[in-house]
């Protein structure tokens, strides 16, 4: 089974369609205000309307309630908390371990109802990894210990995603700034190269 690929930080219909048509498994949108790639619920709705029905979208938020104004079926969230019992969305809790003890502690907080776990680099004061490479040794351990499949994020690019996959053996990979032309604008060439590099790894 090939690696799953999520292209994140999408901000426009054109970029979202290009990522979908290039073979991305998941299209990610940032629903955290005051972050560089934020899209409002209204902007997000317009993009969703323009996508094919089988496009799988993920809304990225700090806390679960922040996602309720968005229409994505999957929620990636950073504050590890118990989800509401009536929440039907697929959950992607994020862990950002600083060391092995921190990793084990965060994995214990993963809700049983989660679909996947996203592992990102820890950067103080930042919601995401901010383009910083995650600790691959911790990521390898997370793959072994996690109750759910691991999606690796943090500093990935077309040039290093193959090496990351070989080292970590994750279920999937996630990229945002590593495939940008400029802030908020994706490079179609980089998106295609990233997906091709990821999908050719075993």
Protein backbone atom coordinates (compact mmCIF):
# COMPACT_ATOMS: atom_id res chain seq x y z
CA UNK A 1 0.00 0.00 0.00
CA UNK A 2 1.43 3.37 -0.99
CA UNK A 3 2.02 6.21 1.43
CA UNK A 4 -0.87 8.60 1.98
CA UNK A 5 -0.10 12.24 1.20
CA UNK A 6 -1.70 15.34 2.68
CA UNK A 7 -1.06 18.72 1.07
CA UNK A 8 -1.81 21.29 3.77
CA UNK A 9 -2.11 25.05 4.06
CA UNK A 10 -4.23 25.34 0.93
CA UNK A 11 -5.84 28.76 0.50
CA UNK A 12 -7.39 28.82 -2.98
CA UNK A 13 -9.60 26.82 -5.32
CA UNK A 14 -6.82 26.60 -7.91
CA UNK A 15 -4.26 25.18 -5.48
CA UNK A 16 -6.74 22.76 -3.92
CA UNK A 17 -7.81 21.43 -7.34
CA UNK A 18 -4.17 21.15 -8.45
CA UNK A 19 -3.27 19.14 -5.34
CA UNK A 20 -6.27 16.87 -5.84
CA UNK A 21 -5.52 16.32 -9.53
CA UNK A 22 -1.87 15.63 -8.73
CA UNK A 23 -2.87 12.70 -6.52
CA UNK A 24 -3.00 14.08 -2.99
CA UNK A 25 -5.03 11.81 -0.70
CA UNK A 26 -5.98 14.62 1.67
CA UNK A 27 -6.35 18.38 1.23
CA UNK A 28 -5.64 20.41 4.35
CA UNK A 29 -6.96 23.85 5.32
CA UNK A 30 -5.98 25.96 8.31
CA UNK A 31 -8.84 27.12 10.52
CA UNK A 32 -6.66 28.77 13.17
CA UNK A 33 -7.03 32.59 13.12
CA UNK A 34 -3.90 34.74 13.22
CA UNK A 35 -1.84 32.12 11.39
CA UNK A 36 -0.30 32.77 7.94
CA UNK A 37 -2.43 30.29 5.97
CA UNK A 38 -5.75 30.82 7.72
CA UNK A 39 -8.94 30.46 5.69
CA UNK A 40 -12.28 31.62 7.08
CA UNK A 41 -15.29 29.29 7.16
CA UNK A 42 -16.72 31.28 4.24
CA UNK A 43 -13.57 30.97 2.13
CA UNK A 44 -13.32 27.30 3.00
CA UNK A 45 -16.93 26.67 1.96
CA UNK A 46 -16.32 28.20 -1.47
CA UNK A 47 -13.28 25.98 -2.02
CA UNK A 48 -15.15 22.86 -0.87
CA UNK A 49 -17.98 23.63 -3.31
CA UNK A 50 -15.49 23.71 -6.19
CA UNK A 51 -13.85 20.37 -5.34
CA UNK A 52 -14.94 16.95 -6.65
CA UNK A 53 -17.21 15.11 -4.24
CA UNK A 54 -14.63 12.43 -3.54
CA UNK A 55 -11.99 14.92 -2.38
CA UNK A 56 -10.99 14.22 1.23
CA UNK A 57 -10.50 17.43 3.18
CA UNK A 58 -9.02 18.13 6.60
CA UNK A 59 -9.57 21.25 8.70
CA UNK A 60 -6.68 22.09 11.03
CA UNK A 61 -7.55 23.85 14.29
CA UNK A 62 -6.11 24.47 17.73
CA UNK A 63 -9.10 23.05 19.63
CA UNK A 64 -11.94 20.81 18.46
CA UNK A 65 -14.75 23.39 18.87
CA UNK A 66 -12.92 25.69 16.46
CA UNK A 67 -13.71 23.21 13.67
CA UNK A 68 -17.48 23.25 14.01
CA UNK A 69 -17.97 26.14 11.55
CA UNK A 70 -16.16 24.17 8.82
CA UNK A 71 -17.48 21.41 6.56
CA UNK A 72 -14.48 19.07 6.40
CA UNK A 73 -15.14 15.48 7.42
CA UNK A 74 -11.73 15.26 9.12
CA UNK A 75 -10.44 17.41 11.97
CA UNK A 76 -6.75 17.80 12.79
CA UNK A 77 -6.40 19.41 16.20
CA UNK A 78 -3.57 20.33 18.56
CA UNK A 79 -5.13 20.46 22.02
CA UNK A 80 -5.42 16.83 23.10
CA UNK A 81 -8.87 16.53 24.59
CA UNK A 82 -11.76 14.09 24.76
CA UNK A 83 -14.08 14.65 21.77
CA UNK A 84 -17.85 15.11 22.18
CA UNK A 85 -19.69 11.80 21.99
CA UNK A 86 -21.88 12.95 19.10
CA UNK A 87 -18.98 14.13 16.93
CA UNK A 88 -19.08 12.17 13.67
CA UNK A 89 -15.93 13.62 12.07
CA UNK A 90 -12.73 11.63 11.69
CA UNK A 91 -10.22 12.89 14.25
CA UNK A 92 -6.50 13.51 13.71
CA UNK A 93 -4.99 14.56 17.05
CA UNK A 94 -1.53 16.10 16.79
CA UNK A 95 1.43 15.19 18.96
CA UNK A 96 4.60 17.31 19.14
CA UNK A 97 6.96 15.36 21.39
CA UNK A 98 10.14 16.92 22.77
CA UNK A 99 11.59 13.64 24.05
CA UNK A 100 10.64 9.98 24.58
CA UNK A 101 8.85 10.56 27.89
CA UNK A 102 6.85 13.38 26.32
CA UNK A 103 5.98 11.12 23.38
CA UNK A 104 4.66 8.36 25.62
CA UNK A 105 2.65 10.84 27.68
CA UNK A 106 1.03 12.38 24.62
CA UNK A 107 0.21 9.01 23.05
CA UNK A 108 -1.68 8.05 26.20
CA UNK A 109 -4.03 10.98 25.56
CA UNK A 110 -5.01 9.88 22.04
CA UNK A 111 -8.79 9.29 21.92
CA UNK A 112 -9.86 5.76 20.96
CA UNK A 113 -12.07 7.23 18.24
CA UNK A 114 -9.13 8.81 16.40
CA UNK A 115 -8.53 7.85 12.77
CA UNK A 116 -4.83 8.80 12.59
CA UNK A 117 -2.24 10.58 14.71
CA UNK A 118 -0.21 13.38 13.16
CA UNK A 119 3.33 13.84 14.47
CA UNK A 120 4.75 17.33 14.03
CA UNK A 121 7.90 19.09 15.19
CA UNK A 122 7.70 20.99 18.47
CA UNK A 123 8.37 24.70 18.04
CA UNK A 124 7.72 26.88 21.09
CA UNK A 125 5.04 29.49 20.47
CA UNK A 126 3.95 28.00 17.14
CA UNK A 127 0.84 25.95 16.45
CA UNK A 128 2.54 23.77 13.86
CA UNK A 129 6.09 22.79 13.10
CA UNK A 130 6.73 26.02 11.18
CA UNK A 131 8.77 24.18 8.56
CA UNK A 132 11.11 22.67 11.17
CA UNK A 133 12.14 19.05 10.69
CA UNK A 134 10.59 16.62 13.18
CA UNK A 135 12.82 14.29 15.20
CA UNK A 136 12.75 11.16 13.04
CA UNK A 137 14.03 8.92 15.86
CA UNK A 138 11.03 9.92 17.97
CA UNK A 139 8.81 9.50 14.94
CA UNK A 140 10.09 5.93 14.42
CA UNK A 141 9.28 5.16 18.04
CA UNK A 142 5.84 6.73 17.63
CA UNK A 143 5.12 4.42 14.68
CA UNK A 144 5.87 1.45 16.96
CA UNK A 145 3.97 2.72 20.02
CA UNK A 146 1.00 4.61 18.63
CA UNK A 147 -2.45 3.00 18.87
CA UNK A 148 -3.28 4.62 15.52
CA UNK A 149 -1.36 5.03 12.22
CA UNK A 150 1.14 7.90 12.21
CA UNK A 151 1.20 10.70 9.63
CA UNK A 152 4.58 12.43 9.65
CA UNK A 153 4.80 16.21 9.32
CA UNK A 154 7.45 18.81 10.02
CA UNK A 155 9.92 20.23 7.53
CA UNK A 156 9.18 17.81 4.71
CA UNK A 157 9.92 18.70 1.08
CA UNK A 158 10.25 16.96 -2.29
CA UNK A 159 13.95 16.58 -1.56
CA UNK A 160 13.70 14.80 1.79
CA UNK A 161 10.33 13.05 1.87
CA UNK A 162 11.73 9.82 0.42
CA UNK A 163 14.44 9.67 3.08
CA UNK A 164 11.87 10.47 5.78
CA UNK A 165 9.64 7.61 4.67
CA UNK A 166 12.54 5.16 4.57
CA UNK A 167 13.66 6.20 8.05
CA UNK A 168 10.31 6.47 9.82
CA UNK A 169 7.96 4.13 7.88
CA UNK A 170 4.87 6.25 8.57
CA UNK A 171 1.37 5.61 7.27
CA UNK A 172 1.37 9.00 5.60
CA UNK A 173 3.19 12.31 5.17
CA UNK A 174 2.04 15.92 5.45
CA UNK A 175 3.54 19.00 3.80
CA UNK A 176 2.73 22.71 3.65
CA UNK A 177 5.59 25.20 3.36
CA UNK A 178 7.80 22.62 1.65
CA UNK A 179 5.71 22.83 -1.52
CA UNK A 180 5.06 26.58 -1.56
CA UNK A 181 6.08 29.03 -4.26
CA UNK A 182 5.40 31.94 -1.91
CA UNK A 183 3.47 32.21 1.34
CA UNK A 184 -0.13 30.98 0.76
CA UNK A 185 0.67 29.94 -2.83
CA UNK A 186 1.62 26.38 -3.76
CA UNK A 187 4.11 25.45 -6.45
CA UNK A 188 2.45 22.91 -8.73
CA UNK A 189 5.88 21.53 -9.66
CA UNK A 190 6.81 20.99 -6.01
CA UNK A 191 3.42 19.46 -5.21
CA UNK A 192 3.80 16.96 -8.04
CA UNK A 193 7.40 16.17 -7.11
CA UNK A 194 6.48 15.66 -3.46
CA UNK A 195 3.62 13.31 -4.26
CA UNK A 196 5.67 11.38 -6.78
CA UNK A 197 8.60 11.00 -4.36
CA UNK A 198 6.32 9.88 -1.54
CA UNK A 199 4.29 7.45 -3.62
CA UNK A 200 7.33 5.70 -5.08
CA UNK A 201 8.61 4.75 -1.62
CA UNK A 202 7.62 1.38 -0.18
